[in-house]
Amino acid sequence: MRAVLQERFPQRDFIVDSAGTNGYHTGEAPDYRSVAVGLKHGLDISDQRCRQLVDEDFTRFNLILAMDQNNLMTINRLAPKGATAVTGLFTAVARDGLSGHSVDRGEEIPDPYYGDAADFERVYLMVRDAAEALADRLS
């Protein structure tokens, strides 16, 4: 997600990062299938490393987006007192923005980890479409 969003938001006004809600893969490189799909679409993500969401993220970032409802619930549960970041489901915020509609009602983007190469491609296309919608909404 990070590389796709960075491609859509090249301005310095946006800081784009990615973090997981658990620490299972902290410090690891992306899955080789993600790297392959990225390269197919002109994005080299091989230097990225997994990190876990931390308390400081809730004040460092204005917006924290989740790919699915389970992660959104976890993000909201992890939010420390004084958190200023708005949280929401990535596709819902991309489609509807932050006002007037629920930021937690949208299509979930599945984790392709237990799938095959086609699942990674499908997820990439979902992320790209949502990133384009978000870029249009924020520009």
N, C-alpha and C. Protein backbone atom coordinates (compact mmCIF):
# COMPACT_ATOMS: atom_id res chain seq x y z
N MET A 1 0.83 -1.19 0.00
CA MET A 1 0.00 0.00 0.00
C MET A 1 0.88 1.26 0.00
N ARG A 2 1.95 1.23 0.78
CA ARG A 2 2.77 2.44 0.92
C ARG A 2 3.29 2.93 -0.42
N ALA A 3 3.86 2.05 -1.22
CA ALA A 3 4.44 2.47 -2.50
C ALA A 3 3.38 3.00 -3.45
N VAL A 4 2.21 2.38 -3.43
CA VAL A 4 1.12 2.83 -4.31
C VAL A 4 0.67 4.22 -3.90
N LEU A 5 0.51 4.46 -2.61
CA LEU A 5 0.11 5.79 -2.14
C LEU A 5 1.20 6.82 -2.37
N GLN A 6 2.45 6.44 -2.16
CA GLN A 6 3.54 7.39 -2.40
C GLN A 6 3.58 7.81 -3.86
N GLU A 7 3.26 6.89 -4.75
CA GLU A 7 3.23 7.21 -6.17
C GLU A 7 2.10 8.20 -6.47
N ARG A 8 0.99 8.10 -5.76
CA ARG A 8 -0.15 8.98 -5.99
C ARG A 8 -0.01 10.32 -5.27
N PHE A 9 0.83 10.37 -4.23
CA PHE A 9 1.02 11.58 -3.43
C PHE A 9 2.50 11.96 -3.39
N PRO A 10 3.07 12.35 -4.51
CA PRO A 10 4.50 12.66 -4.52
C PRO A 10 4.85 13.97 -3.82
N GLN A 11 3.85 14.80 -3.53
CA GLN A 11 4.12 16.09 -2.89
C GLN A 11 4.67 15.86 -1.49
N ARG A 12 5.43 16.79 -1.04
CA ARG A 12 6.01 16.70 0.29
C ARG A 12 4.99 17.00 1.38
N ASP A 13 3.77 17.38 1.01
CA ASP A 13 2.74 17.66 2.00
C ASP A 13 2.20 16.40 2.66
N PHE A 14 2.52 15.25 2.10
CA PHE A 14 1.99 13.99 2.61
C PHE A 14 3.13 13.08 3.03
N ILE A 15 3.00 12.53 4.22
CA ILE A 15 3.91 11.48 4.68
C ILE A 15 3.11 10.19 4.63
N VAL A 16 3.59 9.25 3.86
CA VAL A 16 2.91 7.97 3.71
C VAL A 16 3.79 6.89 4.32
N ASP A 17 3.20 6.04 5.13
CA ASP A 17 3.93 4.95 5.75
C ASP A 17 3.00 3.76 5.85
N SER A 18 3.54 2.65 6.27
CA SER A 18 2.76 1.44 6.43
C SER A 18 3.20 0.75 7.70
N ALA A 19 2.23 0.20 8.42
CA ALA A 19 2.54 -0.52 9.66
C ALA A 19 1.48 -1.58 9.88
N GLY A 20 1.88 -2.65 10.52
CA GLY A 20 0.94 -3.71 10.86
C GLY A 20 0.41 -3.54 12.26
N THR A 21 -0.68 -4.23 12.54
CA THR A 21 -1.27 -4.14 13.87
C THR A 21 -0.68 -5.19 14.81
N ASN A 22 0.13 -6.08 14.29
CA ASN A 22 0.82 -7.04 15.14
C ASN A 22 2.30 -7.06 14.75
N GLY A 23 3.10 -7.70 15.54
CA GLY A 23 4.53 -7.68 15.30
C GLY A 23 5.08 -8.95 14.68
N TYR A 24 4.23 -9.76 14.07
CA TYR A 24 4.68 -11.05 13.54
C TYR A 24 5.84 -10.95 12.57
N HIS A 25 5.85 -9.95 11.71
CA HIS A 25 6.85 -9.86 10.66
C HIS A 25 7.75 -8.62 10.78
N THR A 26 7.79 -8.02 11.94
CA THR A 26 8.58 -6.80 12.13
C THR A 26 10.02 -7.00 11.66
N GLY A 27 10.47 -6.06 10.82
CA GLY A 27 11.82 -6.09 10.31
C GLY A 27 12.00 -6.91 9.04
N GLU A 28 10.98 -7.66 8.66
CA GLU A 28 11.09 -8.51 7.47
C GLU A 28 10.80 -7.73 6.20
N ALA A 29 11.37 -8.23 5.11
CA ALA A 29 11.10 -7.67 3.77
C ALA A 29 9.70 -8.09 3.33
N PRO A 30 9.16 -7.42 2.32
CA PRO A 30 7.84 -7.80 1.80
C PRO A 30 7.88 -9.22 1.23
N ASP A 31 6.73 -9.84 1.20
CA ASP A 31 6.57 -11.15 0.57
C ASP A 31 7.06 -11.07 -0.88
N TYR A 32 7.74 -12.09 -1.33
CA TYR A 32 8.30 -12.08 -2.68
C TYR A 32 7.23 -11.89 -3.75
N ARG A 33 5.99 -12.32 -3.45
CA ARG A 33 4.90 -12.13 -4.42
C ARG A 33 4.49 -10.67 -4.50
N SER A 34 4.55 -9.96 -3.38
CA SER A 34 4.28 -8.51 -3.40
C SER A 34 5.35 -7.78 -4.18
N VAL A 35 6.59 -8.19 -3.97
CA VAL A 35 7.70 -7.57 -4.69
C VAL A 35 7.52 -7.78 -6.19
N ALA A 36 7.15 -8.99 -6.60
CA ALA A 36 6.97 -9.30 -8.02
C ALA A 36 5.85 -8.48 -8.64
N VAL A 37 4.73 -8.36 -7.94
CA VAL A 37 3.61 -7.57 -8.46
C VAL A 37 4.00 -6.10 -8.54
N GLY A 38 4.68 -5.61 -7.53
CA GLY A 38 5.13 -4.22 -7.57
C GLY A 38 6.02 -3.96 -8.77
N LEU A 39 7.00 -4.83 -8.99
CA LEU A 39 7.90 -4.65 -10.13
C LEU A 39 7.15 -4.70 -11.45
N LYS A 40 6.16 -5.57 -11.53
CA LYS A 40 5.34 -5.66 -12.75
C LYS A 40 4.67 -4.33 -13.06
N HIS A 41 4.35 -3.58 -12.00
CA HIS A 41 3.68 -2.29 -12.15
C HIS A 41 4.62 -1.10 -11.96
N GLY A 42 5.92 -1.35 -12.01
CA GLY A 42 6.89 -0.26 -11.96
C GLY A 42 7.22 0.25 -10.56
N LEU A 43 6.93 -0.53 -9.53
CA LEU A 43 7.21 -0.12 -8.15
C LEU A 43 8.17 -1.10 -7.51
N ASP A 44 9.28 -0.60 -7.02
CA ASP A 44 10.24 -1.46 -6.33
C ASP A 44 10.05 -1.29 -4.82
N ILE A 45 9.49 -2.31 -4.19
CA ILE A 45 9.24 -2.25 -2.74
C ILE A 45 10.21 -3.14 -1.97
N SER A 46 11.22 -3.65 -2.65
CA SER A 46 12.11 -4.62 -2.02
C SER A 46 12.88 -4.08 -0.81
N ASP A 47 13.04 -2.75 -0.72
CA ASP A 47 13.78 -2.18 0.42
C ASP A 47 12.88 -1.89 1.62
N GLN A 48 11.58 -2.05 1.47
CA GLN A 48 10.68 -1.80 2.60
C GLN A 48 10.84 -2.89 3.66
N ARG A 49 10.56 -2.54 4.89
CA ARG A 49 10.58 -3.50 5.99
C ARG A 49 9.32 -3.31 6.82
N CYS A 50 8.83 -4.42 7.31
CA CYS A 50 7.61 -4.39 8.11
C CYS A 50 7.89 -3.75 9.46
N ARG A 51 6.94 -2.95 9.91
CA ARG A 51 7.02 -2.40 11.26
C ARG A 51 5.64 -2.47 11.89
N GLN A 52 5.61 -2.39 13.19
CA GLN A 52 4.35 -2.45 13.92
C GLN A 52 3.87 -1.03 14.24
N LEU A 53 2.57 -0.84 14.21
CA LEU A 53 1.95 0.42 14.59
C LEU A 53 2.34 0.74 16.03
N VAL A 54 2.74 2.00 16.27
CA VAL A 54 3.15 2.42 17.62
C VAL A 54 2.33 3.62 18.06
N ASP A 55 2.32 3.89 19.34
CA ASP A 55 1.53 5.00 19.89
C ASP A 55 1.80 6.33 19.18
N GLU A 56 3.05 6.60 18.86
CA GLU A 56 3.40 7.87 18.23
C GLU A 56 2.73 8.06 16.87
N ASP A 57 2.38 6.97 16.21
CA ASP A 57 1.71 7.07 14.91
C ASP A 57 0.37 7.79 15.02
N PHE A 58 -0.26 7.70 16.16
CA PHE A 58 -1.58 8.29 16.35
C PHE A 58 -1.56 9.81 16.50
N THR A 59 -0.36 10.37 16.68
CA THR A 59 -0.23 11.83 16.67
C THR A 59 0.66 12.30 15.52
N ARG A 60 1.50 11.45 15.01
CA ARG A 60 2.38 11.80 13.88
C ARG A 60 1.58 11.91 12.57
N PHE A 61 0.58 11.05 12.42
CA PHE A 61 -0.21 11.02 11.20
C PHE A 61 -1.60 11.57 11.43
N ASN A 62 -2.15 12.22 10.42
CA ASN A 62 -3.52 12.73 10.50
C ASN A 62 -4.55 11.66 10.24
N LEU A 63 -4.15 10.66 9.48
CA LEU A 63 -5.08 9.65 9.01
C LEU A 63 -4.41 8.29 9.06
N ILE A 64 -5.07 7.32 9.68
CA ILE A 64 -4.59 5.95 9.71
C ILE A 64 -5.67 5.08 9.09
N LEU A 65 -5.30 4.39 8.02
CA LEU A 65 -6.25 3.61 7.24
C LEU A 65 -6.02 2.12 7.42
N ALA A 66 -7.11 1.39 7.51
CA ALA A 66 -7.04 -0.07 7.65
C ALA A 66 -7.56 -0.73 6.38
N MET A 67 -7.05 -1.90 6.11
CA MET A 67 -7.48 -2.64 4.93
C MET A 67 -8.77 -3.42 5.18
N ASP A 68 -9.02 -3.78 6.44
CA ASP A 68 -10.22 -4.56 6.73
C ASP A 68 -10.77 -4.19 8.10
N GLN A 69 -11.98 -4.66 8.37
CA GLN A 69 -12.67 -4.31 9.62
C GLN A 69 -11.92 -4.80 10.85
N ASN A 70 -11.36 -5.99 10.79
CA ASN A 70 -10.64 -6.52 11.95
C ASN A 70 -9.46 -5.62 12.31
N ASN A 71 -8.68 -5.21 11.30
CA ASN A 71 -7.56 -4.32 11.58
C ASN A 71 -8.02 -2.94 12.03
N LEU A 72 -9.15 -2.46 11.49
CA LEU A 72 -9.67 -1.17 11.93
C LEU A 72 -10.06 -1.23 13.41
N MET A 73 -10.72 -2.31 13.81
CA MET A 73 -11.07 -2.47 15.23
C MET A 73 -9.82 -2.51 16.10
N THR A 74 -8.79 -3.21 15.64
CA THR A 74 -7.54 -3.30 16.39
C THR A 74 -6.87 -1.93 16.48
N ILE A 75 -6.82 -1.21 15.37
CA ILE A 75 -6.24 0.14 15.37
C ILE A 75 -6.97 1.02 16.38
N ASN A 76 -8.29 1.00 16.34
CA ASN A 76 -9.06 1.84 17.27
C ASN A 76 -8.84 1.42 18.72
N ARG A 77 -8.67 0.14 18.95
CA ARG A 77 -8.41 -0.35 20.31
C ARG A 77 -7.01 0.06 20.77
N LEU A 78 -6.05 0.12 19.85
CA LEU A 78 -4.67 0.48 20.20
C LEU A 78 -4.45 1.98 20.36
N ALA A 79 -5.39 2.78 19.89
CA ALA A 79 -5.22 4.23 19.95
C ALA A 79 -5.03 4.69 21.39
N PRO A 80 -3.94 5.37 21.66
CA PRO A 80 -3.69 5.84 23.03
C PRO A 80 -4.54 7.07 23.34
N LYS A 81 -4.64 7.37 24.62
CA LYS A 81 -5.32 8.58 25.05
C LYS A 81 -4.61 9.78 24.42
N GLY A 82 -5.37 10.71 23.88
CA GLY A 82 -4.80 11.88 23.24
C GLY A 82 -4.51 11.69 21.76
N ALA A 83 -4.90 10.54 21.21
CA ALA A 83 -4.67 10.30 19.78
C ALA A 83 -5.42 11.35 18.96
N THR A 84 -4.76 11.87 17.94
CA THR A 84 -5.38 12.89 17.08
C THR A 84 -5.68 12.37 15.68
N ALA A 85 -5.13 11.23 15.31
CA ALA A 85 -5.34 10.68 13.98
C ALA A 85 -6.78 10.21 13.81
N VAL A 86 -7.31 10.46 12.64
CA VAL A 86 -8.61 9.90 12.25
C VAL A 86 -8.33 8.51 11.69
N THR A 87 -9.16 7.56 12.05
CA THR A 87 -9.00 6.21 11.53
C THR A 87 -10.18 5.86 10.65
N GLY A 88 -9.95 4.97 9.70
CA GLY A 88 -11.04 4.55 8.84
C GLY A 88 -10.63 3.40 7.95
N LEU A 89 -11.61 2.81 7.32
CA LEU A 89 -11.37 1.76 6.34
C LEU A 89 -10.90 2.41 5.05
N PHE A 90 -9.79 1.95 4.51
CA PHE A 90 -9.15 2.57 3.35
C PHE A 90 -10.14 2.82 2.21
N THR A 91 -10.89 1.81 1.82
CA THR A 91 -11.79 1.98 0.68
C THR A 91 -12.94 2.93 0.98
N ALA A 92 -13.41 2.94 2.23
CA ALA A 92 -14.51 3.84 2.60
C ALA A 92 -14.06 5.30 2.58
N VAL A 93 -12.89 5.57 3.12
CA VAL A 93 -12.37 6.93 3.13
C VAL A 93 -12.05 7.37 1.71
N ALA A 94 -11.50 6.47 0.91
CA ALA A 94 -11.19 6.80 -0.48
C ALA A 94 -12.45 7.13 -1.26
N ARG A 95 -13.51 6.40 -1.02
CA ARG A 95 -14.77 6.59 -1.74
C ARG A 95 -15.58 7.77 -1.22
N ASP A 96 -15.73 7.84 0.09
CA ASP A 96 -16.67 8.79 0.69
C ASP A 96 -16.03 9.95 1.43
N GLY A 97 -14.73 9.92 1.62
CA GLY A 97 -14.09 10.96 2.40
C GLY A 97 -14.33 10.78 3.88
N LEU A 98 -14.10 11.83 4.64
CA LEU A 98 -14.18 11.74 6.09
C LEU A 98 -15.44 12.37 6.67
N SER A 99 -16.25 12.99 5.81
CA SER A 99 -17.44 13.63 6.37
C SER A 99 -18.68 13.18 5.63
N GLY A 100 -19.75 13.06 6.35
CA GLY A 100 -21.03 12.76 5.73
C GLY A 100 -21.32 11.28 5.54
N HIS A 101 -20.33 10.45 5.63
CA HIS A 101 -20.53 9.02 5.47
C HIS A 101 -19.71 8.29 6.52
N SER A 102 -20.06 7.05 6.74
CA SER A 102 -19.32 6.24 7.69
C SER A 102 -17.94 5.91 7.13
N VAL A 103 -16.91 6.10 7.91
CA VAL A 103 -15.55 5.81 7.46
C VAL A 103 -15.19 4.35 7.69
N ASP A 104 -16.15 3.56 8.16
CA ASP A 104 -15.86 2.15 8.38
C ASP A 104 -16.72 1.23 7.52
N ARG A 105 -17.43 1.78 6.56
CA ARG A 105 -18.27 0.96 5.69
C ARG A 105 -17.73 1.01 4.26
N GLY A 106 -17.04 -0.01 3.88
CA GLY A 106 -16.48 -0.08 2.54
C GLY A 106 -16.02 -1.49 2.26
N GLU A 107 -15.52 -1.67 1.08
CA GLU A 107 -15.02 -2.98 0.69
C GLU A 107 -13.73 -3.27 1.43
N GLU A 108 -13.63 -4.44 1.97
CA GLU A 108 -12.39 -4.83 2.63
C GLU A 108 -11.38 -5.29 1.58
N ILE A 109 -10.12 -4.97 1.82
CA ILE A 109 -9.05 -5.45 0.97
C ILE A 109 -8.43 -6.64 1.71
N PRO A 110 -8.56 -7.82 1.11
CA PRO A 110 -8.12 -9.03 1.81
C PRO A 110 -6.60 -9.16 1.87
N ASP A 111 -6.14 -9.92 2.84
CA ASP A 111 -4.72 -10.24 2.95
C ASP A 111 -4.46 -11.41 1.99
N PRO A 112 -3.60 -11.21 0.99
CA PRO A 112 -3.38 -12.27 0.01
C PRO A 112 -2.36 -13.33 0.43
N TYR A 113 -1.84 -13.24 1.63
CA TYR A 113 -0.72 -14.06 2.06
C TYR A 113 -0.91 -15.55 1.81
N TYR A 114 -2.09 -16.07 2.08
CA TYR A 114 -2.32 -17.51 1.92
C TYR A 114 -2.85 -17.85 0.53
N GLY A 115 -2.84 -16.89 -0.37
CA GLY A 115 -3.30 -17.12 -1.73
C GLY A 115 -2.15 -17.33 -2.68
N ASP A 116 -2.46 -17.13 -3.95
CA ASP A 116 -1.44 -17.31 -4.97
C ASP A 116 -1.10 -15.97 -5.63
N ALA A 117 -0.30 -16.00 -6.68
CA ALA A 117 0.13 -14.77 -7.35
C ALA A 117 -1.06 -13.95 -7.84
N ALA A 118 -2.11 -14.62 -8.29
CA ALA A 118 -3.30 -13.90 -8.77
C ALA A 118 -3.96 -13.11 -7.65
N ASP A 119 -3.92 -13.63 -6.43
CA ASP A 119 -4.49 -12.90 -5.29
C ASP A 119 -3.68 -11.64 -4.99
N PHE A 120 -2.37 -11.72 -5.12
CA PHE A 120 -1.53 -10.54 -4.90
C PHE A 120 -1.79 -9.49 -5.98
N GLU A 121 -1.99 -9.92 -7.20
CA GLU A 121 -2.32 -8.99 -8.28
C GLU A 121 -3.68 -8.33 -8.03
N ARG A 122 -4.65 -9.11 -7.62
CA ARG A 122 -5.99 -8.59 -7.34
C ARG A 122 -5.95 -7.55 -6.22
N VAL A 123 -5.20 -7.83 -5.17
CA VAL A 123 -5.06 -6.89 -4.05
C VAL A 123 -4.36 -5.62 -4.52
N TYR A 124 -3.32 -5.76 -5.32
CA TYR A 124 -2.64 -4.58 -5.85
C TYR A 124 -3.63 -3.68 -6.60
N LEU A 125 -4.45 -4.27 -7.45
CA LEU A 125 -5.41 -3.49 -8.23
C LEU A 125 -6.44 -2.82 -7.33
N MET A 126 -6.86 -3.50 -6.27
CA MET A 126 -7.80 -2.90 -5.32
C MET A 126 -7.16 -1.70 -4.62
N VAL A 127 -5.91 -1.86 -4.19
CA VAL A 127 -5.19 -0.78 -3.51
C VAL A 127 -4.97 0.38 -4.47
N ARG A 128 -4.57 0.08 -5.70
CA ARG A 128 -4.34 1.13 -6.68
C ARG A 128 -5.62 1.92 -6.95
N ASP A 129 -6.75 1.23 -7.11
CA ASP A 129 -8.01 1.92 -7.37
C ASP A 129 -8.41 2.81 -6.19
N ALA A 130 -8.25 2.29 -4.97
CA ALA A 130 -8.58 3.09 -3.79
C ALA A 130 -7.62 4.26 -3.64
N ALA A 131 -6.35 4.05 -3.93
CA ALA A 131 -5.36 5.14 -3.84
C ALA A 131 -5.68 6.24 -4.84
N GLU A 132 -6.08 5.86 -6.05
CA GLU A 132 -6.45 6.86 -7.05
C GLU A 132 -7.68 7.65 -6.60
N ALA A 133 -8.65 6.96 -6.03
CA ALA A 133 -9.85 7.65 -5.53
C ALA A 133 -9.49 8.60 -4.38
N LEU A 134 -8.62 8.15 -3.49
CA LEU A 134 -8.21 9.00 -2.37
C LEU A 134 -7.42 10.21 -2.89
N ALA A 135 -6.54 9.99 -3.84
CA ALA A 135 -5.77 11.11 -4.40
C ALA A 135 -6.69 12.13 -5.04
N ASP A 136 -7.69 11.66 -5.77
CA ASP A 136 -8.66 12.57 -6.39
C ASP A 136 -9.41 13.35 -5.32
N ARG A 137 -9.78 12.68 -4.25
CA ARG A 137 -10.55 13.31 -3.17
C ARG A 137 -9.73 14.36 -2.44
N LEU A 138 -8.44 14.10 -2.26
CA LEU A 138 -7.60 15.01 -1.48
C LEU A 138 -6.93 16.10 -2.32
N SER A 139 -7.01 16.00 -3.64
CA SER A 139 -6.33 17.01 -4.45
C SER A 139 -7.24 18.18 -4.74
